[in-house]
Amino acid sequence: TLSDFAPHDHTADYLHILTIQKNVNDDIRELLKTVSEQKNALKRLSMIAQKTQNAVIITDKNGTIEWVNEAFTTISWYKLSEVITRKPGDFLQGTDTDLETIRYMHHQIKQHETFSCEVLNYHKNGTPYWVRIHAQPLFDAQGTLTQYFAIEEDISDSKRLILGINTTNARLRTIVSSLSDGVLLENEHRRIEIINSR
């Protein structure tokens, strides 16, 4: 009968409930601390991405633009509102863009691979400019591709400088080869660099 059992003391139940509540509160405090730290880290990263001199582009897994930073607008002259939901290659590349480079980028994107290359792009007004692109896929915890992240560095000035040096070099070689006197040019290691036919 019920009288055979000792009366139940509810104090133990209350202590158990209080212990569980304390553990839950501790877990919530720890979770809030983690969320706050992540929020601060995200805010710092966002500020860096927004203020960097290099263009930052984030696309969805299909390569459609979701976000660009201010530097992208400065470099390309396109605003976010003009490029969102578009693919970068559809409006940035043009007639003189190297087809092999375009194929390489498409292949890497299709294979979900990281890539780096230099490519000729076009400003909003059609003026060409050079960028060095570093792009990488972003995956979720299950390994599924979710987005692409790219940083573009404007290298137009260095490309113009190299082109100028190459042009000057070609002109000097032409002048030397057409001289009526014999010419032999050595480098600082006394190795012959240029001779003309004379």
N, C-alpha and C. Protein backbone atom coordinates (compact mmCIF):
# COMPACT_ATOMS: atom_id res chain seq x y z
N THR A 1 0.86 -1.19 0.00
CA THR A 1 0.00 0.00 0.00
C THR A 1 0.89 1.24 0.00
N LEU A 2 0.27 2.39 -0.19
CA LEU A 2 1.03 3.64 -0.20
C LEU A 2 1.71 3.90 1.13
N SER A 3 1.15 3.41 2.19
CA SER A 3 1.75 3.66 3.51
C SER A 3 3.06 2.90 3.69
N ASP A 4 3.35 1.94 2.80
CA ASP A 4 4.61 1.20 2.88
C ASP A 4 5.79 2.04 2.40
N PHE A 5 5.55 3.13 1.65
CA PHE A 5 6.61 3.96 1.07
C PHE A 5 6.84 5.21 1.92
N ALA A 6 8.09 5.67 1.94
CA ALA A 6 8.41 6.88 2.68
C ALA A 6 7.78 8.08 1.96
N PRO A 7 7.39 9.11 2.70
CA PRO A 7 6.81 10.30 2.04
C PRO A 7 7.87 10.95 1.15
N HIS A 8 7.40 11.47 0.01
CA HIS A 8 8.31 12.07 -1.00
C HIS A 8 8.69 13.48 -0.57
N ASP A 9 10.01 13.79 -0.60
CA ASP A 9 10.50 15.12 -0.25
C ASP A 9 10.75 15.90 -1.55
N HIS A 10 9.99 16.97 -1.76
CA HIS A 10 10.08 17.75 -3.00
C HIS A 10 11.32 18.66 -3.03
N THR A 11 12.05 18.78 -1.94
CA THR A 11 13.25 19.63 -1.89
C THR A 11 14.29 19.16 -2.90
N ALA A 12 14.47 17.85 -3.02
CA ALA A 12 15.43 17.31 -3.98
C ALA A 12 15.04 17.66 -5.41
N ASP A 13 13.72 17.61 -5.71
CA ASP A 13 13.25 17.98 -7.05
C ASP A 13 13.54 19.45 -7.33
N TYR A 14 13.27 20.32 -6.33
CA TYR A 14 13.52 21.75 -6.52
C TYR A 14 15.02 22.02 -6.74
N LEU A 15 15.85 21.34 -5.98
CA LEU A 15 17.30 21.51 -6.15
C LEU A 15 17.74 21.07 -7.54
N HIS A 16 17.16 19.97 -8.00
CA HIS A 16 17.48 19.46 -9.34
C HIS A 16 17.07 20.48 -10.41
N ILE A 17 15.86 21.04 -10.27
CA ILE A 17 15.37 22.04 -11.24
C ILE A 17 16.26 23.28 -11.20
N LEU A 18 16.64 23.74 -10.01
CA LEU A 18 17.51 24.91 -9.89
C LEU A 18 18.88 24.67 -10.54
N THR A 19 19.42 23.46 -10.36
CA THR A 19 20.71 23.12 -10.97
C THR A 19 20.61 23.13 -12.49
N ILE A 20 19.52 22.55 -13.00
CA ILE A 20 19.31 22.55 -14.46
C ILE A 20 19.20 23.98 -14.98
N GLN A 21 18.41 24.82 -14.27
CA GLN A 21 18.23 26.21 -14.68
C GLN A 21 19.55 26.97 -14.67
N LYS A 22 20.39 26.72 -13.66
CA LYS A 22 21.71 27.37 -13.58
C LYS A 22 22.56 26.96 -14.77
N ASN A 23 22.55 25.65 -15.10
CA ASN A 23 23.34 25.17 -16.24
C ASN A 23 22.85 25.79 -17.55
N VAL A 24 21.52 25.89 -17.70
CA VAL A 24 20.96 26.50 -18.91
C VAL A 24 21.37 27.97 -18.99
N ASN A 25 21.29 28.70 -17.88
CA ASN A 25 21.70 30.11 -17.85
C ASN A 25 23.18 30.27 -18.19
N ASP A 26 24.01 29.37 -17.67
CA ASP A 26 25.45 29.42 -17.99
C ASP A 26 25.67 29.18 -19.48
N ASP A 27 24.95 28.22 -20.04
CA ASP A 27 25.07 27.93 -21.48
C ASP A 27 24.63 29.13 -22.32
N ILE A 28 23.53 29.78 -21.90
CA ILE A 28 23.04 30.94 -22.63
C ILE A 28 24.05 32.08 -22.56
N ARG A 29 24.63 32.30 -21.37
CA ARG A 29 25.64 33.34 -21.22
C ARG A 29 26.84 33.07 -22.13
N GLU A 30 27.28 31.83 -22.17
CA GLU A 30 28.43 31.44 -23.01
C GLU A 30 28.10 31.63 -24.49
N LEU A 31 26.88 31.27 -24.88
CA LEU A 31 26.43 31.42 -26.27
C LEU A 31 26.37 32.90 -26.65
N LEU A 32 25.83 33.73 -25.76
CA LEU A 32 25.76 35.18 -26.02
C LEU A 32 27.15 35.78 -26.16
N LYS A 33 28.08 35.31 -25.33
CA LYS A 33 29.46 35.80 -25.41
C LYS A 33 30.07 35.44 -26.77
N THR A 34 29.87 34.18 -27.21
CA THR A 34 30.38 33.72 -28.50
C THR A 34 29.76 34.52 -29.65
N VAL A 35 28.44 34.72 -29.59
CA VAL A 35 27.74 35.48 -30.65
C VAL A 35 28.27 36.92 -30.69
N SER A 36 28.49 37.52 -29.52
CA SER A 36 29.01 38.88 -29.46
C SER A 36 30.41 38.97 -30.06
N GLU A 37 31.27 37.99 -29.74
CA GLU A 37 32.63 37.96 -30.31
C GLU A 37 32.58 37.80 -31.83
N GLN A 38 31.69 36.90 -32.30
CA GLN A 38 31.57 36.69 -33.74
C GLN A 38 31.02 37.93 -34.44
N LYS A 39 30.08 38.60 -33.77
CA LYS A 39 29.51 39.82 -34.34
C LYS A 39 30.57 40.91 -34.46
N ASN A 40 31.43 41.05 -33.45
CA ASN A 40 32.51 42.03 -33.50
C ASN A 40 33.52 41.69 -34.59
N ALA A 41 33.85 40.39 -34.71
CA ALA A 41 34.79 39.95 -35.75
C ALA A 41 34.20 40.21 -37.13
N LEU A 42 32.91 39.93 -37.29
CA LEU A 42 32.24 40.16 -38.57
C LEU A 42 32.21 41.64 -38.91
N LYS A 43 32.00 42.48 -37.90
CA LYS A 43 31.98 43.93 -38.11
C LYS A 43 33.36 44.42 -38.58
N ARG A 44 34.44 43.88 -37.96
CA ARG A 44 35.79 44.26 -38.38
C ARG A 44 36.08 43.81 -39.80
N LEU A 45 35.72 42.56 -40.11
CA LEU A 45 35.94 42.05 -41.47
C LEU A 45 35.15 42.84 -42.49
N SER A 46 33.92 43.19 -42.14
CA SER A 46 33.08 43.97 -43.03
C SER A 46 33.71 45.34 -43.29
N MET A 47 34.24 45.97 -42.26
CA MET A 47 34.87 47.27 -42.42
C MET A 47 36.11 47.17 -43.31
N ILE A 48 36.91 46.10 -43.12
CA ILE A 48 38.10 45.90 -43.95
C ILE A 48 37.70 45.71 -45.40
N ALA A 49 36.71 44.84 -45.65
CA ALA A 49 36.26 44.58 -47.03
C ALA A 49 35.71 45.84 -47.67
N GLN A 50 35.04 46.67 -46.87
CA GLN A 50 34.43 47.88 -47.42
C GLN A 50 35.47 48.95 -47.73
N LYS A 51 36.53 49.05 -46.92
CA LYS A 51 37.47 50.15 -47.05
C LYS A 51 38.78 49.81 -47.77
N THR A 52 39.00 48.54 -48.14
CA THR A 52 40.23 48.18 -48.82
C THR A 52 40.32 48.85 -50.19
N GLN A 53 41.55 49.02 -50.69
CA GLN A 53 41.78 49.63 -52.00
C GLN A 53 41.45 48.68 -53.14
N ASN A 54 41.41 47.39 -52.84
CA ASN A 54 41.12 46.38 -53.86
C ASN A 54 39.62 46.13 -53.95
N ALA A 55 39.17 45.81 -55.15
CA ALA A 55 37.76 45.49 -55.34
C ALA A 55 37.46 44.13 -54.71
N VAL A 56 36.33 44.03 -54.03
CA VAL A 56 35.88 42.77 -53.44
C VAL A 56 34.53 42.44 -54.06
N ILE A 57 34.42 41.21 -54.56
CA ILE A 57 33.18 40.76 -55.18
C ILE A 57 32.75 39.46 -54.50
N ILE A 58 31.49 39.38 -54.13
CA ILE A 58 30.93 38.14 -53.60
C ILE A 58 29.79 37.74 -54.52
N THR A 59 29.87 36.50 -55.03
CA THR A 59 28.82 35.98 -55.90
C THR A 59 28.17 34.76 -55.26
N ASP A 60 27.02 34.38 -55.78
CA ASP A 60 26.42 33.13 -55.33
C ASP A 60 27.15 31.97 -56.00
N LYS A 61 26.69 30.76 -55.78
CA LYS A 61 27.40 29.59 -56.31
C LYS A 61 27.37 29.53 -57.83
N ASN A 62 26.45 30.28 -58.46
CA ASN A 62 26.36 30.30 -59.92
C ASN A 62 27.15 31.44 -60.54
N GLY A 63 27.83 32.24 -59.71
CA GLY A 63 28.64 33.34 -60.21
C GLY A 63 27.88 34.65 -60.36
N THR A 64 26.66 34.74 -59.83
CA THR A 64 25.86 35.96 -59.90
C THR A 64 26.22 36.87 -58.73
N ILE A 65 26.51 38.12 -59.01
CA ILE A 65 26.97 39.06 -57.97
C ILE A 65 25.90 39.29 -56.91
N GLU A 66 26.34 39.16 -55.64
CA GLU A 66 25.48 39.46 -54.49
C GLU A 66 25.91 40.76 -53.81
N TRP A 67 27.23 41.06 -53.85
CA TRP A 67 27.74 42.25 -53.17
C TRP A 67 29.09 42.64 -53.75
N VAL A 68 29.33 43.94 -53.83
CA VAL A 68 30.65 44.50 -54.18
C VAL A 68 30.94 45.64 -53.21
N ASN A 69 32.22 45.94 -53.01
CA ASN A 69 32.58 47.03 -52.09
C ASN A 69 32.75 48.35 -52.86
N GLU A 70 33.08 49.41 -52.12
CA GLU A 70 33.25 50.74 -52.73
C GLU A 70 34.41 50.77 -53.72
N ALA A 71 35.47 50.01 -53.42
CA ALA A 71 36.64 50.00 -54.32
C ALA A 71 36.27 49.42 -55.68
N PHE A 72 35.34 48.49 -55.72
CA PHE A 72 34.88 47.95 -57.01
C PHE A 72 34.30 49.08 -57.85
N THR A 73 33.49 49.93 -57.21
CA THR A 73 32.90 51.08 -57.92
C THR A 73 33.98 52.05 -58.37
N THR A 74 34.97 52.29 -57.51
CA THR A 74 36.07 53.19 -57.85
C THR A 74 36.86 52.67 -59.05
N ILE A 75 37.11 51.37 -59.08
CA ILE A 75 37.93 50.78 -60.15
C ILE A 75 37.13 50.62 -61.45
N SER A 76 35.92 50.07 -61.36
CA SER A 76 35.15 49.73 -62.57
C SER A 76 34.16 50.81 -63.00
N TRP A 77 33.79 51.69 -62.07
CA TRP A 77 32.81 52.75 -62.27
C TRP A 77 31.37 52.22 -62.28
N TYR A 78 31.19 50.95 -61.93
CA TYR A 78 29.84 50.38 -61.79
C TYR A 78 29.43 50.40 -60.32
N LYS A 79 28.19 50.78 -60.03
CA LYS A 79 27.66 50.76 -58.67
C LYS A 79 27.06 49.39 -58.38
N LEU A 80 26.91 49.07 -57.10
CA LEU A 80 26.31 47.80 -56.69
C LEU A 80 24.94 47.60 -57.33
N SER A 81 24.14 48.65 -57.33
CA SER A 81 22.78 48.53 -57.88
C SER A 81 22.78 48.19 -59.37
N GLU A 82 23.87 48.50 -60.07
CA GLU A 82 23.96 48.22 -61.51
C GLU A 82 24.46 46.80 -61.81
N VAL A 83 25.12 46.18 -60.84
CA VAL A 83 25.75 44.88 -61.11
C VAL A 83 25.12 43.72 -60.34
N ILE A 84 24.32 44.02 -59.33
CA ILE A 84 23.74 42.94 -58.53
C ILE A 84 22.89 42.06 -59.44
N THR A 85 22.97 40.77 -59.25
CA THR A 85 22.31 39.71 -60.04
C THR A 85 22.93 39.50 -61.43
N ARG A 86 24.05 40.18 -61.73
CA ARG A 86 24.73 39.96 -63.00
C ARG A 86 26.01 39.19 -62.77
N LYS A 87 26.53 38.56 -63.82
CA LYS A 87 27.81 37.86 -63.73
C LYS A 87 28.91 38.82 -64.18
N PRO A 88 30.05 38.86 -63.43
CA PRO A 88 31.12 39.83 -63.75
C PRO A 88 31.60 39.77 -65.20
N GLY A 89 31.76 38.58 -65.73
CA GLY A 89 32.27 38.44 -67.10
C GLY A 89 31.34 39.00 -68.16
N ASP A 90 30.04 39.11 -67.83
CA ASP A 90 29.07 39.60 -68.82
C ASP A 90 29.23 41.07 -69.12
N PHE A 91 29.77 41.85 -68.19
CA PHE A 91 29.87 43.28 -68.44
C PHE A 91 31.29 43.84 -68.24
N LEU A 92 32.19 43.08 -67.58
CA LEU A 92 33.54 43.59 -67.35
C LEU A 92 34.52 43.23 -68.47
N GLN A 93 34.30 42.11 -69.14
CA GLN A 93 35.23 41.68 -70.17
C GLN A 93 34.71 42.08 -71.54
N GLY A 94 35.67 42.25 -72.48
CA GLY A 94 35.29 42.72 -73.81
C GLY A 94 36.12 42.12 -74.91
N THR A 95 36.19 42.84 -76.01
CA THR A 95 36.78 42.31 -77.24
C THR A 95 38.26 41.94 -77.10
N ASP A 96 39.04 42.70 -76.34
CA ASP A 96 40.47 42.42 -76.23
C ASP A 96 40.83 41.57 -75.02
N THR A 97 39.84 41.13 -74.26
CA THR A 97 40.11 40.25 -73.13
C THR A 97 40.55 38.89 -73.66
N ASP A 98 41.62 38.36 -73.11
CA ASP A 98 42.19 37.10 -73.57
C ASP A 98 41.21 35.94 -73.36
N LEU A 99 40.86 35.25 -74.45
CA LEU A 99 39.89 34.15 -74.37
C LEU A 99 40.40 32.98 -73.54
N GLU A 100 41.71 32.75 -73.60
CA GLU A 100 42.28 31.65 -72.81
C GLU A 100 42.14 31.92 -71.31
N THR A 101 42.31 33.16 -70.91
CA THR A 101 42.13 33.53 -69.50
C THR A 101 40.67 33.36 -69.09
N ILE A 102 39.76 33.75 -69.96
CA ILE A 102 38.32 33.58 -69.67
C ILE A 102 37.99 32.11 -69.51
N ARG A 103 38.51 31.27 -70.41
CA ARG A 103 38.26 29.81 -70.32
C ARG A 103 38.81 29.25 -69.01
N TYR A 104 40.01 29.71 -68.64
CA TYR A 104 40.64 29.26 -67.39
C TYR A 104 39.75 29.60 -66.19
N MET A 105 39.26 30.84 -66.13
CA MET A 105 38.41 31.24 -65.01
C MET A 105 37.13 30.42 -64.97
N HIS A 106 36.49 30.24 -66.13
CA HIS A 106 35.25 29.45 -66.20
C HIS A 106 35.49 28.01 -65.74
N HIS A 107 36.60 27.45 -66.18
CA HIS A 107 36.93 26.08 -65.79
C HIS A 107 37.11 25.96 -64.28
N GLN A 108 37.86 26.89 -63.69
CA GLN A 108 38.10 26.84 -62.24
C GLN A 108 36.81 27.02 -61.46
N ILE A 109 35.95 27.91 -61.92
CA ILE A 109 34.65 28.12 -61.25
C ILE A 109 33.81 26.85 -61.35
N LYS A 110 33.79 26.25 -62.53
CA LYS A 110 33.00 25.02 -62.74
C LYS A 110 33.51 23.88 -61.86
N GLN A 111 34.83 23.84 -61.63
CA GLN A 111 35.43 22.79 -60.81
C GLN A 111 35.45 23.15 -59.32
N HIS A 112 34.91 24.34 -58.98
CA HIS A 112 34.89 24.83 -57.59
C HIS A 112 36.30 24.96 -57.03
N GLU A 113 37.20 25.50 -57.85
CA GLU A 113 38.60 25.63 -57.48
C GLU A 113 38.99 27.11 -57.32
N THR A 114 40.01 27.34 -56.51
CA THR A 114 40.60 28.66 -56.35
C THR A 114 41.36 29.01 -57.63
N PHE A 115 41.42 30.31 -57.96
CA PHE A 115 42.23 30.70 -59.11
C PHE A 115 42.79 32.11 -58.93
N SER A 116 43.91 32.37 -59.63
CA SER A 116 44.53 33.69 -59.69
C SER A 116 44.95 33.93 -61.13
N CYS A 117 44.71 35.13 -61.61
CA CYS A 117 45.11 35.46 -62.98
C CYS A 117 45.06 36.97 -63.17
N GLU A 118 45.60 37.41 -64.30
CA GLU A 118 45.51 38.80 -64.70
C GLU A 118 44.60 38.87 -65.91
N VAL A 119 43.68 39.83 -65.91
CA VAL A 119 42.70 39.91 -66.99
C VAL A 119 42.43 41.36 -67.36
N LEU A 120 42.18 41.59 -68.64
CA LEU A 120 41.82 42.91 -69.14
C LEU A 120 40.31 43.08 -69.00
N ASN A 121 39.90 44.05 -68.18
CA ASN A 121 38.48 44.37 -68.00
C ASN A 121 38.20 45.73 -68.63
N TYR A 122 36.93 46.12 -68.60
CA TYR A 122 36.52 47.40 -69.18
C TYR A 122 35.70 48.19 -68.18
N HIS A 123 36.03 49.51 -68.08
CA HIS A 123 35.25 50.42 -67.24
C HIS A 123 33.83 50.54 -67.83
N LYS A 124 32.98 51.16 -67.06
CA LYS A 124 31.60 51.39 -67.49
C LYS A 124 31.55 52.16 -68.81
N ASN A 125 32.52 53.06 -69.04
CA ASN A 125 32.53 53.86 -70.27
C ASN A 125 33.26 53.15 -71.42
N GLY A 126 33.74 51.93 -71.20
CA GLY A 126 34.40 51.16 -72.26
C GLY A 126 35.91 51.25 -72.28
N THR A 127 36.51 52.03 -71.37
CA THR A 127 37.97 52.14 -71.30
C THR A 127 38.55 50.87 -70.67
N PRO A 128 39.58 50.28 -71.28
CA PRO A 128 40.15 49.05 -70.70
C PRO A 128 41.03 49.34 -69.48
N TYR A 129 41.09 48.37 -68.58
CA TYR A 129 41.99 48.43 -67.43
C TYR A 129 42.34 46.99 -67.03
N TRP A 130 43.49 46.82 -66.40
CA TRP A 130 43.97 45.50 -66.01
C TRP A 130 43.75 45.25 -64.52
N VAL A 131 43.36 44.01 -64.18
CA VAL A 131 43.24 43.61 -62.78
C VAL A 131 43.91 42.26 -62.57
N ARG A 132 44.42 42.09 -61.36
CA ARG A 132 44.90 40.77 -60.92
C ARG A 132 43.82 40.22 -59.99
N ILE A 133 43.28 39.06 -60.34
CA ILE A 133 42.16 38.47 -59.59
C ILE A 133 42.65 37.30 -58.75
N HIS A 134 42.21 37.27 -57.50
CA HIS A 134 42.39 36.11 -56.62
C HIS A 134 40.98 35.72 -56.19
N ALA A 135 40.53 34.54 -56.61
CA ALA A 135 39.16 34.10 -56.30
C ALA A 135 39.19 32.74 -55.64
N GLN A 136 38.23 32.53 -54.77
CA GLN A 136 38.13 31.23 -54.12
C GLN A 136 36.69 30.90 -53.80
N PRO A 137 36.37 29.61 -53.85
CA PRO A 137 35.01 29.19 -53.49
C PRO A 137 34.82 29.18 -51.98
N LEU A 138 33.59 29.38 -51.54
CA LEU A 138 33.25 29.29 -50.12
C LEU A 138 32.27 28.14 -49.95
N PHE A 139 32.56 27.27 -48.99
CA PHE A 139 31.74 26.08 -48.75
C PHE A 139 31.09 26.15 -47.38
N ASP A 140 29.92 25.50 -47.23
CA ASP A 140 29.29 25.43 -45.92
C ASP A 140 29.89 24.27 -45.13
N ALA A 141 29.36 24.02 -43.93
CA ALA A 141 29.92 22.98 -43.05
C ALA A 141 29.83 21.58 -43.66
N GLN A 142 28.88 21.38 -44.57
CA GLN A 142 28.73 20.07 -45.22
C GLN A 142 29.59 19.93 -46.48
N GLY A 143 30.33 21.00 -46.83
CA GLY A 143 31.19 20.95 -48.01
C GLY A 143 30.48 21.33 -49.30
N THR A 144 29.30 21.92 -49.20
CA THR A 144 28.55 22.34 -50.38
C THR A 144 28.94 23.76 -50.75
N LEU A 145 29.20 23.99 -52.04
CA LEU A 145 29.55 25.32 -52.51
C LEU A 145 28.39 26.28 -52.28
N THR A 146 28.66 27.42 -51.66
CA THR A 146 27.61 28.40 -51.39
C THR A 146 27.86 29.72 -52.12
N GLN A 147 29.13 30.13 -52.22
CA GLN A 147 29.45 31.42 -52.82
C GLN A 147 30.87 31.41 -53.39
N TYR A 148 31.18 32.47 -54.13
CA TYR A 148 32.54 32.74 -54.57
C TYR A 148 32.94 34.10 -54.03
N PHE A 149 34.21 34.21 -53.67
CA PHE A 149 34.77 35.45 -53.11
C PHE A 149 35.97 35.82 -53.95
N ALA A 150 36.01 37.06 -54.46
CA ALA A 150 37.13 37.47 -55.32
C ALA A 150 37.65 38.84 -54.89
N ILE A 151 38.97 38.98 -54.96
CA ILE A 151 39.63 40.27 -54.73
C ILE A 151 40.32 40.65 -56.03
N GLU A 152 40.07 41.87 -56.49
CA GLU A 152 40.65 42.35 -57.73
C GLU A 152 41.54 43.56 -57.44
N GLU A 153 42.79 43.45 -57.86
CA GLU A 153 43.76 44.53 -57.69
C GLU A 153 44.00 45.21 -59.03
N ASP A 154 43.82 46.51 -59.09
CA ASP A 154 44.05 47.27 -60.32
C ASP A 154 45.55 47.34 -60.59
N ILE A 155 45.99 46.73 -61.69
CA ILE A 155 47.42 46.71 -62.04
C ILE A 155 47.67 47.43 -63.37
N SER A 156 46.78 48.33 -63.73
CA SER A 156 46.89 49.05 -65.01
C SER A 156 48.19 49.81 -65.12
N ASP A 157 48.59 50.51 -64.05
CA ASP A 157 49.82 51.31 -64.11
C ASP A 157 51.05 50.44 -64.37
N SER A 158 51.16 49.32 -63.66
CA SER A 158 52.33 48.45 -63.86
C SER A 158 52.30 47.81 -65.25
N LYS A 159 51.11 47.49 -65.75
CA LYS A 159 51.01 46.94 -67.11
C LYS A 159 51.45 47.97 -68.15
N ARG A 160 51.04 49.23 -67.96
CA ARG A 160 51.46 50.30 -68.88
C ARG A 160 52.97 50.50 -68.83
N LEU A 161 53.54 50.41 -67.63
CA LEU A 161 54.98 50.57 -67.47
C LEU A 161 55.73 49.45 -68.20
N ILE A 162 55.27 48.22 -68.02
CA ILE A 162 55.91 47.07 -68.70
C ILE A 162 55.78 47.21 -70.21
N LEU A 163 54.59 47.62 -70.67
CA LEU A 163 54.38 47.82 -72.10
C LEU A 163 55.31 48.90 -72.64
N GLY A 164 55.47 49.98 -71.88
CA GLY A 164 56.38 51.06 -72.28
C GLY A 164 57.82 50.59 -72.37
N ILE A 165 58.25 49.80 -71.37
CA ILE A 165 59.62 49.27 -71.38
C ILE A 165 59.83 48.35 -72.57
N ASN A 166 58.87 47.48 -72.84
CA ASN A 166 58.98 46.56 -73.98
C ASN A 166 59.01 47.31 -75.30
N THR A 167 58.19 48.35 -75.41
CA THR A 167 58.17 49.15 -76.63
C THR A 167 59.51 49.86 -76.84
N THR A 168 60.03 50.46 -75.77
CA THR A 168 61.33 51.15 -75.84
C THR A 168 62.43 50.16 -76.20
N ASN A 169 62.40 48.99 -75.59
CA ASN A 169 63.38 47.95 -75.86
C ASN A 169 63.34 47.53 -77.33
N ALA A 170 62.14 47.35 -77.87
CA ALA A 170 62.00 46.96 -79.28
C ALA A 170 62.53 48.05 -80.21
N ARG A 171 62.26 49.31 -79.86
CA ARG A 171 62.75 50.43 -80.68
C ARG A 171 64.27 50.48 -80.67
N LEU A 172 64.87 50.33 -79.48
CA LEU A 172 66.33 50.36 -79.39
C LEU A 172 66.96 49.23 -80.19
N ARG A 173 66.37 48.05 -80.12
CA ARG A 173 66.89 46.92 -80.91
C ARG A 173 66.81 47.21 -82.41
N THR A 174 65.73 47.82 -82.82
CA THR A 174 65.56 48.17 -84.24
C THR A 174 66.61 49.19 -84.67
N ILE A 175 66.83 50.21 -83.82
CA ILE A 175 67.84 51.23 -84.13
C ILE A 175 69.23 50.61 -84.22
N VAL A 176 69.58 49.76 -83.21
CA VAL A 176 70.90 49.14 -83.18
C VAL A 176 71.11 48.24 -84.39
N SER A 177 70.09 47.49 -84.75
CA SER A 177 70.26 46.55 -85.87
C SER A 177 70.41 47.27 -87.22
N SER A 178 69.91 48.51 -87.30
CA SER A 178 69.99 49.22 -88.58
C SER A 178 71.19 50.17 -88.68
N LEU A 179 72.02 50.26 -87.63
CA LEU A 179 73.21 51.12 -87.67
C LEU A 179 74.24 50.57 -88.65
N SER A 180 74.98 51.49 -89.28
CA SER A 180 76.00 51.06 -90.24
C SER A 180 77.30 50.64 -89.54
N ASP A 181 77.46 51.02 -88.27
CA ASP A 181 78.64 50.60 -87.50
C ASP A 181 78.29 49.33 -86.72
N GLY A 182 79.31 48.57 -86.40
CA GLY A 182 79.11 47.37 -85.60
C GLY A 182 78.84 47.74 -84.14
N VAL A 183 77.85 47.09 -83.53
CA VAL A 183 77.48 47.39 -82.14
C VAL A 183 77.43 46.08 -81.36
N LEU A 184 78.06 46.11 -80.17
CA LEU A 184 78.00 44.97 -79.26
C LEU A 184 77.71 45.54 -77.87
N LEU A 185 76.65 45.05 -77.22
CA LEU A 185 76.25 45.56 -75.91
C LEU A 185 76.34 44.42 -74.89
N GLU A 186 77.09 44.69 -73.81
CA GLU A 186 77.22 43.71 -72.73
C GLU A 186 76.41 44.17 -71.52
N ASN A 187 75.97 43.20 -70.71
CA ASN A 187 75.30 43.56 -69.46
C ASN A 187 76.35 43.72 -68.36
N GLU A 188 75.90 43.95 -67.11
CA GLU A 188 76.83 44.19 -66.01
C GLU A 188 77.70 42.97 -65.68
N HIS A 189 77.32 41.80 -66.16
CA HIS A 189 78.10 40.58 -65.94
C HIS A 189 78.99 40.25 -67.14
N ARG A 190 79.12 41.21 -68.04
CA ARG A 190 79.94 41.08 -69.24
C ARG A 190 79.44 40.00 -70.19
N ARG A 191 78.14 39.78 -70.14
CA ARG A 191 77.53 38.85 -71.10
C ARG A 191 76.92 39.67 -72.24
N ILE A 192 77.10 39.18 -73.44
CA ILE A 192 76.60 39.90 -74.61
C ILE A 192 75.08 39.84 -74.63
N GLU A 193 74.46 41.01 -74.79
CA GLU A 193 72.99 41.10 -74.84
C GLU A 193 72.52 41.44 -76.25
N ILE A 194 73.19 42.36 -76.90
CA ILE A 194 72.74 42.80 -78.23
C ILE A 194 73.95 42.93 -79.14
N ILE A 195 73.80 42.43 -80.35
CA ILE A 195 74.77 42.72 -81.42
C ILE A 195 73.98 42.99 -82.69
N ASN A 196 74.52 43.80 -83.56
CA ASN A 196 73.83 43.97 -84.84
C ASN A 196 74.54 43.16 -85.91
N SER A 197 73.93 43.07 -87.07
CA SER A 197 74.48 42.22 -88.13
C SER A 197 75.83 42.72 -88.63
N ARG A 198 76.07 44.02 -88.55
CA ARG A 198 77.34 44.61 -89.00
C ARG A 198 78.48 44.08 -88.14
